Amino acid sequence: MAGWNYIFRVHALQRMFERKISLEEVIEALETGETIESYPEDYPYPSRLVLGWRRKRPLHIVVAENKQEQSLIIITVYEPDPKFWESDFKRRKK
């Protein structure tokens, strides 16, 4: 979201390092991706799961929105496992 501040939680940075996912990949995925799940009751801020793509690599990003401060708080980032997600990575397998 253009004009918003990005705040990366330590957990997100650790997982990005472990999974070899760069800051640029995460920001691009957030700016071009789509929300596939919403968690409006999360506290202290509503959050959502975003599916973004970096080349042919799918990324899931859990992000909370502090609208008052126009901040996106990146909670975690991972490459979805095809064992648990449908082929489009938008829906969990049943």
PDB file of N, CA and C in Angstrom:
ATOM      1  N   MET A   1       0.846  -1.172   0.000  1.00  0.00           N
ATOM      2  CA  MET A   1       0.000   0.000   0.000  1.00  0.00           C
ATOM      3  C   MET A   1       0.891   1.236   0.000  1.00  0.00           C
ATOM      4  N   ALA A   2       0.828   1.939  -1.080  1.00  0.00           N
ATOM      5  CA  ALA A   2       1.689   3.100  -1.253  1.00  0.00           C
ATOM      6  C   ALA A   2       1.440   4.136  -0.160  1.00  0.00           C
ATOM      7  N   GLY A   3       2.518   4.704   0.338  1.00  0.00           N
ATOM      8  CA  GLY A   3       2.411   5.731   1.356  1.00  0.00           C
ATOM      9  C   GLY A   3       2.338   5.205   2.783  1.00  0.00           C
ATOM     10  N   TRP A   4       2.223   3.908   2.943  1.00  0.00           N
ATOM     11  CA  TRP A   4       2.154   3.318   4.275  1.00  0.00           C
ATOM     12  C   TRP A   4       3.559   2.947   4.734  1.00  0.00           C
ATOM     13  N   ASN A   5       3.758   2.934   6.042  1.00  0.00           N
ATOM     14  CA  ASN A   5       5.016   2.496   6.634  1.00  0.00           C
ATOM     15  C   ASN A   5       4.974   0.985   6.810  1.00  0.00           C
ATOM     16  N   TYR A   6       6.096   0.351   6.588  1.00  0.00           N
ATOM     17  CA  TYR A   6       6.212  -1.091   6.796  1.00  0.00           C
ATOM     18  C   TYR A   6       6.993  -1.331   8.078  1.00  0.00           C
ATOM     19  N   ILE A   7       6.406  -2.103   8.967  1.00  0.00           N
ATOM     20  CA  ILE A   7       7.060  -2.470  10.223  1.00  0.00           C
ATOM     21  C   ILE A   7       7.207  -3.988  10.222  1.00  0.00           C
ATOM     22  N   PHE A   8       8.442  -4.447  10.269  1.00  0.00           N
ATOM     23  CA  PHE A   8       8.715  -5.883  10.256  1.00  0.00           C
ATOM     24  C   PHE A   8       8.966  -6.364  11.671  1.00  0.00           C
ATOM     25  N   ARG A   9       8.133  -7.263  12.162  1.00  0.00           N
ATOM     26  CA  ARG A   9       8.335  -7.881  13.466  1.00  0.00           C
ATOM     27  C   ARG A   9       9.589  -8.751  13.408  1.00  0.00           C
ATOM     28  N   VAL A  10      10.232  -8.939  14.541  1.00  0.00           N
ATOM     29  CA  VAL A  10      11.430  -9.768  14.612  1.00  0.00           C
ATOM     30  C   VAL A  10      11.128 -11.168  14.082  1.00  0.00           C
ATOM     31  N   HIS A  11       9.979 -11.719  14.441  1.00  0.00           N
ATOM     32  CA  HIS A  11       9.601 -13.056  13.963  1.00  0.00           C
ATOM     33  C   HIS A  11       9.599 -13.099  12.438  1.00  0.00           C
ATOM     34  N   ALA A  12       9.021 -12.094  11.799  1.00  0.00           N
ATOM     35  CA  ALA A  12       8.968 -12.050  10.339  1.00  0.00           C
ATOM     36  C   ALA A  12      10.374 -11.998   9.746  1.00  0.00           C
ATOM     37  N   LEU A  13      11.222 -11.157  10.306  1.00  0.00           N
ATOM     38  CA  LEU A  13      12.596 -11.041   9.801  1.00  0.00           C
ATOM     39  C   LEU A  13      13.362 -12.348   9.959  1.00  0.00           C
ATOM     40  N   GLN A  14      13.176 -13.024  11.091  1.00  0.00           N
ATOM     41  CA  GLN A  14      13.836 -14.315  11.295  1.00  0.00           C
ATOM     42  C   GLN A  14      13.385 -15.324  10.255  1.00  0.00           C
ATOM     43  N   ARG A  15      12.072 -15.396  10.024  1.00  0.00           N
ATOM     44  CA  ARG A  15      11.544 -16.356   9.054  1.00  0.00           C
ATOM     45  C   ARG A  15      11.978 -16.010   7.636  1.00  0.00           C
ATOM     46  N   MET A  16      12.021 -14.729   7.319  1.00  0.00           N
ATOM     47  CA  MET A  16      12.479 -14.311   5.994  1.00  0.00           C
ATOM     48  C   MET A  16      13.929 -14.724   5.782  1.00  0.00           C
ATOM     49  N   PHE A  17      14.764 -14.533   6.795  1.00  0.00           N
ATOM     50  CA  PHE A  17      16.166 -14.923   6.690  1.00  0.00           C
ATOM     51  C   PHE A  17      16.278 -16.432   6.494  1.00  0.00           C
ATOM     52  N   GLU A  18      15.565 -17.206   7.310  1.00  0.00           N
ATOM     53  CA  GLU A  18      15.598 -18.671   7.209  1.00  0.00           C
ATOM     54  C   GLU A  18      15.133 -19.156   5.840  1.00  0.00           C
ATOM     55  N   ARG A  19      14.159 -18.462   5.262  1.00  0.00           N
ATOM     56  CA  ARG A  19      13.518 -18.900   4.022  1.00  0.00           C
ATOM     57  C   ARG A  19      14.060 -18.181   2.790  1.00  0.00           C
ATOM     58  N   LYS A  20      15.084 -17.365   3.001  1.00  0.00           N
ATOM     59  CA  LYS A  20      15.718 -16.627   1.914  1.00  0.00           C
ATOM     60  C   LYS A  20      14.715 -15.777   1.126  1.00  0.00           C
ATOM     61  N   ILE A  21      13.941 -14.993   1.872  1.00  0.00           N
ATOM     62  CA  ILE A  21      12.960 -14.083   1.301  1.00  0.00           C
ATOM     63  C   ILE A  21      13.415 -12.667   1.630  1.00  0.00           C
ATOM     64  N   SER A  22      13.560 -11.836   0.623  1.00  0.00           N
ATOM     65  CA  SER A  22      14.086 -10.486   0.833  1.00  0.00           C
ATOM     66  C   SER A  22      12.984  -9.490   1.190  1.00  0.00           C
ATOM     67  N   LEU A  23      13.410  -8.352   1.736  1.00  0.00           N
ATOM     68  CA  LEU A  23      12.478  -7.261   2.029  1.00  0.00           C
ATOM     69  C   LEU A  23      11.776  -6.818   0.747  1.00  0.00           C
ATOM     70  N   GLU A  24      12.532  -6.730  -0.338  1.00  0.00           N
ATOM     71  CA  GLU A  24      11.961  -6.297  -1.608  1.00  0.00           C
ATOM     72  C   GLU A  24      10.873  -7.254  -2.079  1.00  0.00           C
ATOM     73  N   GLU A  25      11.097  -8.552  -1.898  1.00  0.00           N
ATOM     74  CA  GLU A  25      10.088  -9.538  -2.296  1.00  0.00           C
ATOM     75  C   GLU A  25       8.804  -9.357  -1.494  1.00  0.00           C
ATOM     76  N   VAL A  26       8.952  -9.122  -0.212  1.00  0.00           N
ATOM     77  CA  VAL A  26       7.782  -8.944   0.651  1.00  0.00           C
ATOM     78  C   VAL A  26       7.023  -7.678   0.272  1.00  0.00           C
ATOM     79  N   ILE A  27       7.720  -6.588   0.099  1.00  0.00           N
ATOM     80  CA  ILE A  27       7.058  -5.327  -0.252  1.00  0.00           C
ATOM     81  C   ILE A  27       6.364  -5.447  -1.607  1.00  0.00           C
ATOM     82  N   GLU A  28       7.033  -6.041  -2.577  1.00  0.00           N
ATOM     83  CA  GLU A  28       6.405  -6.227  -3.892  1.00  0.00           C
ATOM     84  C   GLU A  28       5.162  -7.100  -3.782  1.00  0.00           C
ATOM     85  N   ALA A  29       5.259  -8.177  -3.016  1.00  0.00           N
ATOM     86  CA  ALA A  29       4.107  -9.071  -2.847  1.00  0.00           C
ATOM     87  C   ALA A  29       2.945  -8.349  -2.177  1.00  0.00           C
ATOM     88  N   LEU A  30       3.230  -7.508  -1.197  1.00  0.00           N
ATOM     89  CA  LEU A  30       2.165  -6.750  -0.528  1.00  0.00           C
ATOM     90  C   LEU A  30       1.524  -5.735  -1.482  1.00  0.00           C
ATOM     91  N   GLU A  31       2.342  -5.108  -2.301  1.00  0.00           N
ATOM     92  CA  GLU A  31       1.831  -4.068  -3.198  1.00  0.00           C
ATOM     93  C   GLU A  31       1.057  -4.637  -4.380  1.00  0.00           C
ATOM     94  N   THR A  32       1.365  -5.862  -4.783  1.00  0.00           N
ATOM     95  CA  THR A  32       0.718  -6.437  -5.964  1.00  0.00           C
ATOM     96  C   THR A  32      -0.164  -7.637  -5.635  1.00  0.00           C
ATOM     97  N   GLY A  33      -0.105  -8.104  -4.394  1.00  0.00           N
ATOM     98  CA  GLY A  33      -0.815  -9.327  -4.019  1.00  0.00           C
ATOM     99  C   GLY A  33      -2.283  -9.094  -3.718  1.00  0.00           C
ATOM    100  N   GLU A  34      -2.920 -10.177  -3.284  1.00  0.00           N
ATOM    101  CA  GLU A  34      -4.340 -10.111  -2.948  1.00  0.00           C
ATOM    102  C   GLU A  34      -4.591 -10.734  -1.583  1.00  0.00           C
ATOM    103  N   THR A  35      -5.548 -10.178  -0.886  1.00  0.00           N
ATOM    104  CA  THR A  35      -5.944 -10.719   0.406  1.00  0.00           C
ATOM    105  C   THR A  35      -6.757 -11.984   0.164  1.00  0.00           C
ATOM    106  N   ILE A  36      -6.338 -13.088   0.784  1.00  0.00           N
ATOM    107  CA  ILE A  36      -7.062 -14.348   0.608  1.00  0.00           C
ATOM    108  C   ILE A  36      -7.793 -14.772   1.872  1.00  0.00           C
ATOM    109  N   GLU A  37      -7.431 -14.219   3.008  1.00  0.00           N
ATOM    110  CA  GLU A  37      -8.147 -14.450   4.268  1.00  0.00           C
ATOM    111  C   GLU A  37      -8.082 -13.159   5.082  1.00  0.00           C
ATOM    112  N   SER A  38      -9.155 -12.875   5.794  1.00  0.00           N
ATOM    113  CA  SER A  38      -9.193 -11.683   6.659  1.00  0.00           C
ATOM    114  C   SER A  38      -9.476 -12.109   8.092  1.00  0.00           C
ATOM    115  N   TYR A  39      -8.852 -11.417   9.019  1.00  0.00           N
ATOM    116  CA  TYR A  39      -9.023 -11.681  10.441  1.00  0.00           C
ATOM    117  C   TYR A  39      -9.373 -10.359  11.132  1.00  0.00           C
ATOM    118  N   PRO A  40     -10.589  -9.856  10.918  1.00  0.00           N
ATOM    119  CA  PRO A  40     -10.952  -8.524  11.423  1.00  0.00           C
ATOM    120  C   PRO A  40     -10.987  -8.416  12.943  1.00  0.00           C
ATOM    121  N   GLU A  41     -11.090  -9.531  13.638  1.00  0.00           N
ATOM    122  CA  GLU A  41     -11.175  -9.501  15.100  1.00  0.00           C
ATOM    123  C   GLU A  41      -9.813  -9.586  15.780  1.00  0.00           C
ATOM    124  N   ASP A  42      -8.726  -9.720  15.002  1.00  0.00           N
ATOM    125  CA  ASP A  42      -7.398  -9.802  15.611  1.00  0.00           C
ATOM    126  C   ASP A  42      -7.107  -8.536  16.416  1.00  0.00           C
ATOM    127  N   TYR A  43      -6.342  -8.718  17.493  1.00  0.00           N
ATOM    128  CA  TYR A  43      -6.008  -7.629  18.399  1.00  0.00           C
ATOM    129  C   TYR A  43      -4.497  -7.489  18.455  1.00  0.00           C
ATOM    130  N   PRO A  44      -3.941  -6.328  18.469  1.00  0.00           N
ATOM    131  CA  PRO A  44      -4.597  -5.031  18.591  1.00  0.00           C
ATOM    132  C   PRO A  44      -5.070  -4.441  17.260  1.00  0.00           C
ATOM    133  N   TYR A  45      -4.711  -5.064  16.125  1.00  0.00           N
ATOM    134  CA  TYR A  45      -5.139  -4.543  14.830  1.00  0.00           C
ATOM    135  C   TYR A  45      -5.703  -5.681  13.982  1.00  0.00           C
ATOM    136  N   PRO A  46      -6.666  -5.388  13.133  1.00  0.00           N
ATOM    137  CA  PRO A  46      -7.152  -6.417  12.216  1.00  0.00           C
ATOM    138  C   PRO A  46      -5.999  -6.857  11.308  1.00  0.00           C
ATOM    139  N   SER A  47      -6.018  -8.127  10.943  1.00  0.00           N
ATOM    140  CA  SER A  47      -4.944  -8.620  10.085  1.00  0.00           C
ATOM    141  C   SER A  47      -5.522  -9.397   8.917  1.00  0.00           C
ATOM    142  N   ARG A  48      -4.625  -9.805   8.025  1.00  0.00           N
ATOM    143  CA  ARG A  48      -5.055 -10.549   6.849  1.00  0.00           C
ATOM    144  C   ARG A  48      -3.891 -11.361   6.309  1.00  0.00           C
ATOM    145  N   LEU A  49      -4.249 -12.341   5.492  1.00  0.00           N
ATOM    146  CA  LEU A  49      -3.264 -13.170   4.810  1.00  0.00           C
ATOM    147  C   LEU A  49      -3.241 -12.742   3.357  1.00  0.00           C
ATOM    148  N   VAL A  50      -2.076 -12.342   2.892  1.00  0.00           N
ATOM    149  CA  VAL A  50      -1.908 -11.869   1.521  1.00  0.00           C
ATOM    150  C   VAL A  50      -1.129 -12.913   0.732  1.00  0.00           C
ATOM    151  N   LEU A  51      -1.620 -13.188  -0.479  1.00  0.00           N
ATOM    152  CA  LEU A  51      -0.885 -14.027  -1.430  1.00  0.00           C
ATOM    153  C   LEU A  51      -0.264 -13.098  -2.450  1.00  0.00           C
ATOM    154  N   GLY A  52       1.045 -13.164  -2.554  1.00  0.00           N
ATOM    155  CA  GLY A  52       1.767 -12.393  -3.557  1.00  0.00           C
ATOM    156  C   GLY A  52       2.722 -13.312  -4.295  1.00  0.00           C
ATOM    157  N   TRP A  53       3.192 -12.829  -5.408  1.00  0.00           N
ATOM    158  CA  TRP A  53       4.105 -13.628  -6.236  1.00  0.00           C
ATOM    159  C   TRP A  53       5.370 -12.840  -6.495  1.00  0.00           C
ATOM    160  N   ARG A  54       6.475 -13.537  -6.439  1.00  0.00           N
ATOM    161  CA  ARG A  54       7.776 -12.990  -6.838  1.00  0.00           C
ATOM    162  C   ARG A  54       8.285 -13.923  -7.914  1.00  0.00           C
ATOM    163  N   ARG A  55       8.197 -13.462  -9.140  1.00  0.00           N
ATOM    164  CA  ARG A  55       8.416 -14.314 -10.304  1.00  0.00           C
ATOM    165  C   ARG A  55       7.426 -15.467 -10.214  1.00  0.00           C
ATOM    166  N   LYS A  56       7.886 -16.698 -10.130  1.00  0.00           N
ATOM    167  CA  LYS A  56       6.947 -17.830 -10.035  1.00  0.00           C
ATOM    168  C   LYS A  56       6.838 -18.366  -8.612  1.00  0.00           C
ATOM    169  N   ARG A  57       7.390 -17.636  -7.672  1.00  0.00           N
ATOM    170  CA  ARG A  57       7.409 -18.070  -6.272  1.00  0.00           C
ATOM    171  C   ARG A  57       6.232 -17.464  -5.511  1.00  0.00           C
ATOM    172  N   PRO A  58       5.324 -18.303  -4.980  1.00  0.00           N
ATOM    173  CA  PRO A  58       4.222 -17.762  -4.183  1.00  0.00           C
ATOM    174  C   PRO A  58       4.706 -17.414  -2.771  1.00  0.00           C
ATOM    175  N   LEU A  59       4.175 -16.340  -2.231  1.00  0.00           N
ATOM    176  CA  LEU A  59       4.484 -15.948  -0.860  1.00  0.00           C
ATOM    177  C   LEU A  59       3.189 -15.664  -0.123  1.00  0.00           C
ATOM    178  N   HIS A  60       3.116 -16.125   1.108  1.00  0.00           N
ATOM    179  CA  HIS A  60       2.031 -15.766   2.014  1.00  0.00           C
ATOM    180  C   HIS A  60       2.617 -14.825   3.053  1.00  0.00           C
ATOM    181  N   ILE A  61       1.885 -13.742   3.280  1.00  0.00           N
ATOM    182  CA  ILE A  61       2.325 -12.740   4.245  1.00  0.00           C
ATOM    183  C   ILE A  61       1.162 -12.442   5.174  1.00  0.00           C
ATOM    184  N   VAL A  62       1.397 -12.607   6.472  1.00  0.00           N
ATOM    185  CA  VAL A  62       0.391 -12.214   7.460  1.00  0.00           C
ATOM    186  C   VAL A  62       0.759 -10.799   7.888  1.00  0.00           C
ATOM    187  N   VAL A  63      -0.195  -9.894   7.689  1.00  0.00           N
ATOM    188  CA  VAL A  63       0.062  -8.479   7.934  1.00  0.00           C
ATOM    189  C   VAL A  63      -1.109  -7.873   8.704  1.00  0.00           C
ATOM    190  N   ALA A  64      -0.784  -7.035   9.676  1.00  0.00           N
ATOM    191  CA  ALA A  64      -1.802  -6.299  10.433  1.00  0.00           C
ATOM    192  C   ALA A  64      -1.762  -4.849   9.976  1.00  0.00           C
ATOM    193  N   GLU A  65      -2.925  -4.199  10.048  1.00  0.00           N
ATOM    194  CA  GLU A  65      -3.019  -2.811   9.599  1.00  0.00           C
ATOM    195  C   GLU A  65      -3.358  -1.882  10.757  1.00  0.00           C
ATOM    196  N   ASN A  66      -2.466  -0.934  10.997  1.00  0.00           N
ATOM    197  CA  ASN A  66      -2.741   0.145  11.936  1.00  0.00           C
ATOM    198  C   ASN A  66      -3.128   1.339  11.076  1.00  0.00           C
ATOM    199  N   LYS A  67      -4.421   1.478  10.818  1.00  0.00           N
ATOM    200  CA  LYS A  67      -4.895   2.527   9.907  1.00  0.00           C
ATOM    201  C   LYS A  67      -4.635   3.921  10.456  1.00  0.00           C
ATOM    202  N   GLN A  68      -4.717   4.071  11.762  1.00  0.00           N
ATOM    203  CA  GLN A  68      -4.512   5.390  12.369  1.00  0.00           C
ATOM    204  C   GLN A  68      -3.115   5.919  12.069  1.00  0.00           C
ATOM    205  N   GLU A  69      -2.113   5.033  12.113  1.00  0.00           N
ATOM    206  CA  GLU A  69      -0.729   5.449  11.859  1.00  0.00           C
ATOM    207  C   GLU A  69      -0.270   5.112  10.443  1.00  0.00           C
ATOM    208  N   GLN A  70      -1.166   4.581   9.628  1.00  0.00           N
ATOM    209  CA  GLN A  70      -0.864   4.135   8.268  1.00  0.00           C
ATOM    210  C   GLN A  70       0.383   3.249   8.245  1.00  0.00           C
ATOM    211  N   SER A  71       0.322   2.202   9.084  1.00  0.00           N
ATOM    212  CA  SER A  71       1.422   1.249   9.177  1.00  0.00           C
ATOM    213  C   SER A  71       0.931  -0.154   8.873  1.00  0.00           C
ATOM    214  N   LEU A  72       1.730  -0.881   8.124  1.00  0.00           N
ATOM    215  CA  LEU A  72       1.499  -2.301   7.891  1.00  0.00           C
ATOM    216  C   LEU A  72       2.530  -3.055   8.712  1.00  0.00           C
ATOM    217  N   ILE A  73       2.053  -3.916   9.584  1.00  0.00           N
ATOM    218  CA  ILE A  73       2.929  -4.674  10.477  1.00  0.00           C
ATOM    219  C   ILE A  73       3.036  -6.086   9.927  1.00  0.00           C
ATOM    220  N   ILE A  74       4.218  -6.431   9.445  1.00  0.00           N
ATOM    221  CA  ILE A  74       4.435  -7.753   8.856  1.00  0.00           C
ATOM    222  C   ILE A  74       4.741  -8.707   9.992  1.00  0.00           C
ATOM    223  N   ILE A  75       3.854  -9.697  10.156  1.00  0.00           N
ATOM    224  CA  ILE A  75       3.940 -10.623  11.280  1.00  0.00           C
ATOM    225  C   ILE A  75       4.752 -11.855  10.922  1.00  0.00           C
ATOM    226  N   THR A  76       4.469 -12.439   9.760  1.00  0.00           N
ATOM    227  CA  THR A  76       5.251 -13.574   9.297  1.00  0.00           C
ATOM    228  C   THR A  76       5.156 -13.671   7.789  1.00  0.00           C
ATOM    229  N   VAL A  77       6.107 -14.380   7.205  1.00  0.00           N
ATOM    230  CA  VAL A  77       6.195 -14.554   5.759  1.00  0.00           C
ATOM    231  C   VAL A  77       6.641 -15.984   5.501  1.00  0.00           C
ATOM    232  N   TYR A  78       5.981 -16.631   4.538  1.00  0.00           N
ATOM    233  CA  TYR A  78       6.394 -17.994   4.189  1.00  0.00           C
ATOM    234  C   TYR A  78       5.965 -18.341   2.782  1.00  0.00           C
ATOM    235  N   GLU A  79       6.605 -19.358   2.241  1.00  0.00           N
ATOM    236  CA  GLU A  79       6.202 -19.920   0.961  1.00  0.00           C
ATOM    237  C   GLU A  79       5.203 -21.033   1.271  1.00  0.00           C
ATOM    238  N   PRO A  80       3.963 -20.928   0.771  1.00  0.00           N
ATOM    239  CA  PRO A  80       2.954 -21.920   1.132  1.00  0.00           C
ATOM    240  C   PRO A  80       3.317 -23.319   0.645  1.00  0.00           C
ATOM    241  N   ASP A  81       3.034 -24.305   1.473  1.00  0.00           N
ATOM    242  CA  ASP A  81       3.330 -25.702   1.178  1.00  0.00           C
ATOM    243  C   ASP A  81       2.184 -26.303   0.360  1.00  0.00           C
ATOM    244  N   PRO A  82       2.461 -26.825  -0.837  1.00  0.00           N
ATOM    245  CA  PRO A  82       1.408 -27.410  -1.669  1.00  0.00           C
ATOM    246  C   PRO A  82       0.665 -28.566  -0.999  1.00  0.00           C
ATOM    247  N   LYS A  83       1.243 -29.156   0.044  1.00  0.00           N
ATOM    248  CA  LYS A  83       0.543 -30.225   0.768  1.00  0.00           C
ATOM    249  C   LYS A  83      -0.678 -29.687   1.501  1.00  0.00           C
ATOM    250  N   PHE A  84      -0.654 -28.400   1.841  1.00  0.00           N
ATOM    251  CA  PHE A  84      -1.719 -27.819   2.650  1.00  0.00           C
ATOM    252  C   PHE A  84      -2.587 -26.816   1.893  1.00  0.00           C
ATOM    253  N   TRP A  85      -2.161 -26.443   0.690  1.00  0.00           N
ATOM    254  CA  TRP A  85      -2.867 -25.415  -0.077  1.00  0.00           C
ATOM    255  C   TRP A  85      -3.230 -25.947  -1.459  1.00  0.00           C
ATOM    256  N   GLU A  86      -4.367 -25.486  -1.974  1.00  0.00           N
ATOM    257  CA  GLU A  86      -4.770 -25.819  -3.338  1.00  0.00           C
ATOM    258  C   GLU A  86      -3.714 -25.264  -4.300  1.00  0.00           C
ATOM    259  N   SER A  87      -3.762 -25.674  -5.544  1.00  0.00           N
ATOM    260  CA  SER A  87      -2.718 -25.317  -6.512  1.00  0.00           C
ATOM    261  C   SER A  87      -2.601 -23.808  -6.757  1.00  0.00           C
ATOM    262  N   ASP A  88      -3.668 -23.042  -6.497  1.00  0.00           N
ATOM    263  CA  ASP A  88      -3.601 -21.604  -6.671  1.00  0.00           C
ATOM    264  C   ASP A  88      -3.080 -20.904  -5.411  1.00  0.00           C
ATOM    265  N   PHE A  89      -2.872 -21.650  -4.343  1.00  0.00           N
ATOM    266  CA  PHE A  89      -2.370 -21.168  -3.048  1.00  0.00           C
ATOM    267  C   PHE A  89      -3.310 -20.167  -2.375  1.00  0.00           C
ATOM    268  N   LYS A  90      -4.578 -20.159  -2.809  1.00  0.00           N
ATOM    269  CA  LYS A  90      -5.562 -19.250  -2.232  1.00  0.00           C
ATOM    270  C   LYS A  90      -6.454 -19.931  -1.206  1.00  0.00           C
ATOM    271  N   ARG A  91      -6.571 -21.247  -1.302  1.00  0.00           N
ATOM    272  CA  ARG A  91      -7.487 -21.976  -0.419  1.00  0.00           C
ATOM    273  C   ARG A  91      -6.739 -23.137   0.226  1.00  0.00           C
ATOM    274  N   ARG A  92      -7.049 -23.352   1.503  1.00  0.00           N
ATOM    275  CA  ARG A  92      -6.465 -24.480   2.221  1.00  0.00           C
ATOM    276  C   ARG A  92      -7.125 -25.769   1.739  1.00  0.00           C
ATOM    277  N   LYS A  93      -6.331 -26.823   1.690  1.00  0.00           N
ATOM    278  CA  LYS A  93      -6.889 -28.129   1.333  1.00  0.00           C
ATOM    279  C   LYS A  93      -7.739 -28.639   2.488  1.00  0.00           C
ATOM    280  N   LYS A  94      -8.776 -29.369   2.136  1.00  0.00           N
ATOM    281  CA  LYS A  94      -9.677 -29.916   3.170  1.00  0.00           C
ATOM    282  C   LYS A  94      -9.295 -31.330   3.511  1.00  0.00           C
TER     283      LYS A  94
END
